[in-house]
Structures are given as structure tokens and as C-alpha cells.
Amino acid sequence: MMYPSFQKEIELGEIPKNFGNGRYERWNTYLKGPVRRYSLTNEESASGPAYEAYRILHVAFTIAPIVAGLDKFFNLLVNWEQYLPPVATNLLGGHGHEFMLVVGVIEIIAGLGVAFKPKVFAYVVSLWLLLIVVNLLLIPGYFDVALRDFGLALGALALARLSGGFDK
């Protein structure tokens, strides 16, 4: 059954006549004036809390992957090979250190990607963190780190979503 489609221009906050009276009518309403998304050209949003959150996340998810990636070469923060489950170590034929060096390069690239293209690379970092969570769930005793990384993955996802409005 086809329902009639009505188009009507309404004022912001106005309730259309016959709204909610039980009729099966589809209303296509148009608000007067442009619908604004957050953008750097919108002075109001460029100084608001959403933009501040975007900038904080942008800096954090640029620096953190680069620092973690560089540390894969130096092991100053932690011995990263302890985060490899025995299954992965066996699959790698005992080449866990070399694998962690490759992981370090990927993390550095991801951090640089977030710096220059957060709209794309924030999703990459979020997915990467979710893969790390899966990896950590395979190792008894690291569930707290998995939970932390899940929170970081959500933060990277938030950055990706905010980048849609603020990134050029």
C-alpha cells in the first residue's frame, strides 16, 4: 500500500498540523536555514567542547601509536614480546621479536596516518586496538590490559566519528 508523501516547510520547533493523530502519512519536513555540521569554518563549533575533544583525541591517537611503535625497537616501556600468546609464538616459529618489530612499524605508520588523515586512520587504529584486545584475551592474566585497550579502541572510534565533522 502506498502512503501519500507530503512536503511542508515548518519553522524550527513547530509541530506540524495533524502530527501524531494516527494517520499513516509520511512527512518530509524542511527546516528553514541551513543544517550545520561541525566544521572548522563554523566559529561556534571550532571553539566548543566537541572540537576540544576532537583535538585532544587527535593528538593522543597520533602520539600514542608512534611512541608504542618506536618502543617495539627499544623495549624501554615494556618487553612487548610478553603480549604474544603461546599460539602466536608457535605460529611464528620463535620469531616473536621480529614480529614485534613489524608491529612497531605498522603502529608508527598508523600514528602518522592519524596525524594527517584522521578520518581514515582513526578507524584503522580502532580496528588495530580491537585486534590487540582479541590477542590479549588469549593470554591469561592480561584481561585488565584487554579492557583498557577496548576503551582505547572506543576513543579511536570517537575520533574517527568526530573527524567526519572537523577534519578538512
Foldseek 3Di string as FASTA:
>chain_A
DDADEDEDEDEVPDDDPPPPVPDPYHYDYDYPDDDDFAECVPVVNCPDPLVVLLVVLLVCLLPVLLVQLVCLVVQPPHVVLVLAAPVRCVVVVNPSSVVSNVSSVVSNVLSVCSNQPLLPSLLVQLVVLLVSLVSNVNDPPCNVVSVVSNVVSVSSVSSNVSCVRYPD
